[in-house]
Amino acid sequence: MRAAILVAVLATNPVAASTLLFSRLTEGTWQVWEADPATGTARQLTVTPGDKRSPARLADGRLVFTSSNQEAFVRDPKNGSDVPLLPALWPLRDLVPSTTGERVAFARIRTEVKDNANLAIANLDGSAMLQLTDVAGIQYNPAWSPDGTEIAFAAGRGPGSLELFVVDADGGAPRRLTQNRSLEFWPAWDPRGGRLAYASDATGDFEIWMTDSRGGDARPITHSPGLDTRPVWSPDGTRVAFVTRRTGTLAIWTMNPDGSDARPLLPEDKEPMCDPFWR
């Protein structure tokens, strides 16, 4: 293990607001790690068998993640065990807690329909589920607005049709933010709610883009060969983390919101990383 990485197994201490969760390929499986972007150090949080993706934190600090078979889990801080979350709503993906941590948004996969997943929200115990979309195709990548009143998401039907939409968290008709022939996905609200970062291949290569909350003034903020995707904002809005393959291996980098000062989260690490969560 490289000296730049500080490992602590099955950590249960409260997380600092400035730390960043991510999935990292560790000895053959995707495990959850936590990094301090200010120091470039990281620690491993999970060691149990099976892939763990899309890690996030609830408001009380508990760790949640999804598995490769589309199940959701929450880590028990007392004994480090992984407890099923929303088992009655299986299968699901892209689970993300609201800013208050009282509810979660997710894409519920419909097993009876090919290539179909609808956006939904629910309480942590699975109660009060509200399905926000009910149209053909895939609706996924939910992102809560900072005030918890809206959810941005990606939706499409068939190849080359992913666009960005926003829907009220209490239901209603979604409004479209983008409309073109390219792919737009993984939206992320800035902490003040005025802007959305997202991934798009509109330039012919997957880059990170920025738009205002109404879908205007859209522009790329990365200009690098290779995949740039899945942006997330720092809690203070001064940095954006994203997944990139610009050096040949999936890595997490951070940058200013205008794309400047881009640098790797863990400069000395060469293992594949993805799924950043920064709150």
Protein backbone atom coordinates (compact mmCIF):
# COMPACT_ATOMS: atom_id res chain seq x y z
CA MET A 1 0.00 0.00 0.00
CA ARG A 2 1.40 3.38 -0.99
CA ALA A 3 2.53 5.70 1.78
CA ALA A 4 0.24 8.46 0.52
CA ILE A 5 -2.82 6.37 1.41
CA LEU A 6 -3.76 5.99 5.06
CA VAL A 7 -5.94 2.93 5.54
CA ALA A 8 -8.44 2.46 8.35
CA VAL A 9 -10.69 -0.57 8.09
CA LEU A 10 -14.36 -0.48 9.07
CA ALA A 11 -14.13 3.09 10.32
CA THR A 12 -17.22 4.30 12.16
CA ASN A 13 -16.19 7.77 13.31
CA PRO A 14 -18.21 10.79 12.08
CA VAL A 15 -17.03 12.12 8.74
CA ALA A 16 -15.80 15.66 8.26
CA ALA A 17 -17.81 17.84 5.92
CA SER A 18 -14.92 18.23 3.48
CA THR A 19 -14.24 14.54 2.86
CA LEU A 20 -15.15 12.81 -0.38
CA LEU A 21 -16.50 9.26 -0.70
CA PHE A 22 -15.76 7.10 -3.73
CA SER A 23 -15.61 3.52 -4.97
CA ARG A 24 -12.16 2.08 -5.63
CA LEU A 25 -11.17 -1.24 -7.17
CA THR A 26 -9.45 -2.91 -4.22
CA GLU A 27 -8.03 -6.42 -4.51
CA GLY A 28 -10.58 -7.37 -7.15
CA THR A 29 -13.76 -5.77 -5.80
CA TRP A 30 -15.14 -2.24 -5.66
CA GLN A 31 -14.90 -1.04 -2.07
CA VAL A 32 -15.85 2.28 -0.47
CA TRP A 33 -13.07 4.73 0.36
CA GLU A 34 -13.01 8.20 1.84
CA ALA A 35 -10.51 10.92 0.92
CA ASP A 36 -9.49 14.30 2.25
CA PRO A 37 -8.97 16.43 -0.88
CA ALA A 38 -6.95 18.98 1.08
CA THR A 39 -4.25 16.48 2.07
CA GLY A 40 -4.53 13.83 -0.67
CA THR A 41 -4.91 11.05 1.90
CA ALA A 42 -7.55 8.33 1.95
CA ARG A 43 -8.83 5.47 4.05
CA GLN A 44 -10.73 2.32 3.19
CA LEU A 45 -14.19 2.06 4.78
CA THR A 46 -15.43 -1.37 3.61
CA VAL A 47 -13.71 -4.73 3.26
CA THR A 48 -16.60 -7.20 2.94
CA PRO A 49 -17.04 -9.32 -0.22
CA GLY A 50 -18.96 -7.96 -3.20
CA ASP A 51 -18.85 -4.76 -5.21
CA LYS A 52 -20.04 -1.57 -3.53
CA ARG A 53 -20.98 1.36 -5.75
CA SER A 54 -22.53 4.83 -5.47
CA PRO A 55 -21.56 5.47 -1.83
CA ALA A 56 -23.24 8.33 0.02
CA ARG A 57 -23.75 9.68 3.52
CA LEU A 58 -27.02 10.18 5.33
CA ALA A 59 -27.42 13.33 7.39
CA ASP A 60 -26.47 11.40 10.55
CA GLY A 61 -23.21 10.24 8.94
CA ARG A 62 -24.22 6.64 8.17
CA LEU A 63 -22.80 5.16 4.98
CA VAL A 64 -25.14 3.92 2.23
CA PHE A 65 -24.24 2.20 -1.04
CA THR A 66 -25.61 -0.13 -3.71
CA SER A 67 -24.40 -3.57 -4.75
CA SER A 68 -23.78 -5.09 -8.16
CA ASN A 69 -27.17 -6.86 -8.02
CA GLN A 70 -29.03 -3.56 -7.55
CA GLU A 71 -29.56 -3.79 -3.77
CA ALA A 72 -29.11 -0.90 -1.35
CA PHE A 73 -27.43 -1.12 2.05
CA VAL A 74 -26.78 1.10 5.06
CA ARG A 75 -23.83 0.48 7.38
CA ASP A 76 -24.63 -0.05 11.05
CA PRO A 77 -22.20 2.29 12.89
CA LYS A 78 -22.30 0.10 16.02
CA ASN A 79 -20.96 -3.13 14.56
CA GLY A 80 -20.01 -2.32 10.96
CA SER A 81 -22.59 -4.69 9.47
CA ASP A 82 -24.35 -3.91 6.18
CA VAL A 83 -28.13 -3.75 6.65
CA PRO A 84 -30.48 -3.93 3.62
CA LEU A 85 -32.07 -0.59 2.76
CA LEU A 86 -35.41 -0.47 0.89
CA PRO A 87 -35.44 -4.26 0.29
CA ALA A 88 -39.12 -4.19 -0.74
CA LEU A 89 -38.28 -1.77 -3.55
CA TRP A 90 -35.57 -3.93 -5.17
CA PRO A 91 -34.10 -3.67 -7.77
CA LEU A 92 -32.86 -0.09 -7.75
CA ARG A 93 -29.82 2.01 -8.67
CA ASP A 94 -28.39 5.52 -8.24
CA LEU A 95 -29.62 5.91 -4.67
CA VAL A 96 -28.91 9.39 -3.26
CA PRO A 97 -30.05 10.91 0.06
CA SER A 98 -31.80 14.26 0.22
CA THR A 99 -29.84 17.12 1.76
CA THR A 100 -31.68 16.57 5.06
CA GLY A 101 -31.13 12.82 4.85
CA GLU A 102 -34.76 12.03 5.60
CA ARG A 103 -35.58 10.70 2.14
CA VAL A 104 -33.74 9.05 -0.73
CA ALA A 105 -34.17 9.34 -4.47
CA PHE A 106 -33.37 6.42 -6.75
CA ALA A 107 -34.09 4.78 -10.08
CA ARG A 108 -36.36 1.79 -9.58
CA ILE A 109 -35.67 -0.80 -12.25
CA ARG A 110 -38.76 -2.41 -13.76
CA THR A 111 -38.04 -6.09 -14.32
CA GLU A 112 -41.20 -6.64 -16.34
CA VAL A 113 -40.21 -4.06 -18.99
CA LYS A 114 -36.97 -4.11 -21.00
CA ASP A 115 -34.68 -1.10 -20.58
CA ASN A 116 -36.98 0.74 -18.21
CA ALA A 117 -36.31 2.47 -14.89
CA ASN A 118 -38.50 5.09 -13.24
CA LEU A 119 -37.49 7.80 -10.82
CA ALA A 120 -38.85 7.52 -7.27
CA ILE A 121 -38.31 8.83 -3.75
CA ALA A 122 -39.08 7.20 -0.39
CA ASN A 123 -38.44 7.41 3.32
CA LEU A 124 -35.48 5.43 4.63
CA ASP A 125 -37.79 2.66 5.84
CA GLY A 126 -39.36 2.35 2.37
CA SER A 127 -42.60 4.06 3.33
CA ALA A 128 -44.26 6.93 1.48
CA MET A 129 -42.73 5.93 -1.85
CA LEU A 130 -43.60 8.40 -4.58
CA GLN A 131 -42.91 7.50 -8.21
CA LEU A 132 -41.99 10.72 -9.96
CA THR A 133 -41.86 9.43 -13.55
CA ASP A 134 -43.90 6.80 -15.36
CA VAL A 135 -42.90 6.87 -19.00
CA ALA A 136 -41.16 4.41 -21.29
CA GLY A 137 -37.39 4.37 -21.23
CA ILE A 138 -34.81 5.03 -18.54
CA GLN A 139 -35.00 7.80 -15.95
CA TYR A 140 -32.00 7.74 -13.61
CA ASN A 141 -29.05 9.73 -12.13
CA PRO A 142 -31.24 11.70 -9.66
CA ALA A 143 -29.75 14.79 -7.98
CA TRP A 144 -31.53 16.71 -5.21
CA SER A 145 -31.57 20.49 -5.32
CA PRO A 146 -29.95 22.05 -2.23
CA ASP A 147 -33.32 22.99 -0.74
CA GLY A 148 -34.77 19.53 -1.42
CA THR A 149 -37.68 20.79 -3.52
CA GLU A 150 -36.51 19.58 -6.95
CA ILE A 151 -34.69 16.63 -8.46
CA ALA A 152 -32.65 16.79 -11.64
CA PHE A 153 -32.23 13.56 -13.60
CA ALA A 154 -31.29 12.03 -16.94
CA ALA A 155 -33.89 10.35 -19.12
CA GLY A 156 -34.04 8.77 -22.54
CA ARG A 157 -35.42 6.01 -24.70
CA GLY A 158 -33.12 4.25 -27.10
CA PRO A 159 -29.54 5.01 -28.16
CA GLY A 160 -28.40 8.62 -28.22
CA SER A 161 -31.40 10.09 -26.48
CA LEU A 162 -30.37 10.96 -22.92
CA GLU A 163 -31.45 14.45 -21.87
CA LEU A 164 -31.64 16.36 -18.58
CA PHE A 165 -34.91 17.07 -16.78
CA VAL A 166 -36.01 18.55 -13.45
CA VAL A 167 -39.08 17.45 -11.50
CA ASP A 168 -40.61 18.73 -8.27
CA ALA A 169 -39.89 16.42 -5.33
CA ASP A 170 -43.60 16.28 -4.53
CA GLY A 171 -44.51 15.23 -8.08
CA GLY A 172 -45.72 16.92 -11.24
CA ALA A 173 -44.66 17.14 -14.86
CA PRO A 174 -40.88 17.18 -15.41
CA ARG A 175 -39.41 20.12 -17.31
CA ARG A 176 -36.72 19.56 -19.91
CA LEU A 177 -33.36 21.29 -19.52
CA THR A 178 -31.62 20.02 -22.68
CA GLN A 179 -32.81 18.99 -26.11
CA ASN A 180 -30.29 17.90 -28.72
CA ARG A 181 -28.74 14.86 -30.40
CA SER A 182 -26.07 14.31 -27.75
CA LEU A 183 -26.03 12.45 -24.44
CA GLU A 184 -26.47 14.41 -21.21
CA PHE A 185 -26.39 12.66 -17.84
CA TRP A 186 -25.19 12.74 -14.19
CA PRO A 187 -26.46 16.23 -13.25
CA ALA A 188 -25.16 17.81 -10.02
CA TRP A 189 -26.51 20.97 -8.36
CA ASP A 190 -24.15 23.56 -7.00
CA PRO A 191 -24.71 24.23 -3.25
CA ARG A 192 -26.61 27.46 -3.96
CA GLY A 193 -28.90 25.84 -6.53
CA GLY A 194 -28.18 28.23 -9.39
CA ARG A 195 -26.09 25.93 -11.59
CA LEU A 196 -25.89 22.32 -12.70
CA ALA A 197 -22.75 20.48 -13.70
CA TYR A 198 -23.27 17.41 -15.87
CA ALA A 199 -21.60 15.10 -18.40
CA SER A 200 -22.20 15.40 -22.15
CA ASP A 201 -20.72 14.16 -25.42
CA ALA A 202 -21.94 17.21 -27.37
CA THR A 203 -18.38 18.02 -28.48
CA GLY A 204 -17.78 14.47 -29.70
CA ASP A 205 -15.98 13.51 -26.50
CA PHE A 206 -17.41 13.11 -23.00
CA GLU A 207 -16.73 16.31 -21.08
CA ILE A 208 -18.05 18.08 -18.00
CA TRP A 209 -20.51 20.86 -18.84
CA MET A 210 -22.15 23.62 -16.86
CA THR A 211 -25.60 25.18 -17.24
CA ASP A 212 -27.84 27.40 -15.18
CA SER A 213 -30.76 25.83 -13.31
CA ARG A 214 -33.13 26.61 -16.21
CA GLY A 215 -30.93 24.95 -18.84
CA GLY A 216 -29.43 28.15 -20.26
CA ASP A 217 -25.83 29.20 -20.92
CA ALA A 218 -24.67 25.59 -21.36
CA ARG A 219 -20.93 25.24 -22.01
CA PRO A 220 -18.15 22.68 -21.51
CA ILE A 221 -15.69 23.30 -18.69
CA THR A 222 -13.31 20.42 -19.50
CA HIS A 223 -11.50 20.00 -22.80
CA SER A 224 -9.51 16.81 -22.45
CA PRO A 225 -9.31 13.69 -24.64
CA GLY A 226 -10.86 10.70 -22.92
CA LEU A 227 -13.82 10.26 -20.63
CA ASP A 228 -14.80 13.05 -18.18
CA THR A 229 -18.02 12.28 -16.31
CA ARG A 230 -19.99 12.18 -13.02
CA PRO A 231 -19.34 15.63 -11.53
CA VAL A 232 -20.06 16.46 -7.87
CA TRP A 233 -19.67 19.76 -6.03
CA SER A 234 -17.74 20.45 -2.87
CA PRO A 235 -19.97 21.57 0.03
CA ASP A 236 -18.74 25.17 -0.26
CA GLY A 237 -19.15 25.29 -4.05
CA THR A 238 -15.51 26.14 -4.75
CA ARG A 239 -14.50 22.83 -6.38
CA VAL A 240 -16.01 20.17 -8.63
CA ALA A 241 -14.87 16.55 -8.46
CA PHE A 242 -15.32 14.29 -11.48
CA VAL A 243 -14.33 10.92 -12.92
CA THR A 244 -11.82 10.96 -15.76
CA ARG A 245 -9.83 8.55 -17.90
CA ARG A 246 -7.44 11.20 -19.21
CA THR A 247 -4.41 9.37 -17.81
CA GLY A 248 -5.57 5.93 -18.99
CA THR A 249 -7.13 4.65 -15.75
CA LEU A 250 -10.39 5.74 -14.17
CA ALA A 251 -9.48 8.37 -11.59
CA ILE A 252 -11.12 11.16 -9.62
CA TRP A 253 -9.90 14.69 -10.20
CA THR A 254 -11.04 18.03 -8.79
CA MET A 255 -11.15 21.45 -10.46
CA ASN A 256 -12.52 24.94 -10.09
CA PRO A 257 -16.08 25.43 -11.39
CA ASP A 258 -14.68 27.08 -14.53
CA GLY A 259 -12.52 24.03 -15.28
CA SER A 260 -9.22 25.55 -14.18
CA ASP A 261 -6.73 24.04 -11.73
CA ALA A 262 -7.68 20.44 -12.51
CA ARG A 263 -5.68 17.92 -10.50
CA PRO A 264 -5.99 14.31 -9.28
CA LEU A 265 -7.61 13.63 -5.93
CA LEU A 266 -4.91 11.07 -5.00
CA PRO A 267 -1.85 11.88 -7.13
CA GLU A 268 0.08 8.69 -6.36
CA ASP A 269 -2.81 6.24 -6.65
CA LYS A 270 -3.11 4.11 -9.81
CA GLU A 271 -6.13 1.93 -8.94
CA PRO A 272 -9.43 2.62 -10.76
CA MET A 273 -11.80 4.96 -8.89
CA CYS A 274 -15.34 6.18 -9.58
CA ASP A 275 -18.65 7.26 -7.99
CA PRO A 276 -17.57 10.40 -6.06
CA PHE A 277 -19.90 11.78 -3.38
CA TRP A 278 -19.00 15.09 -1.71
CA ARG A 279 -21.27 16.60 0.93
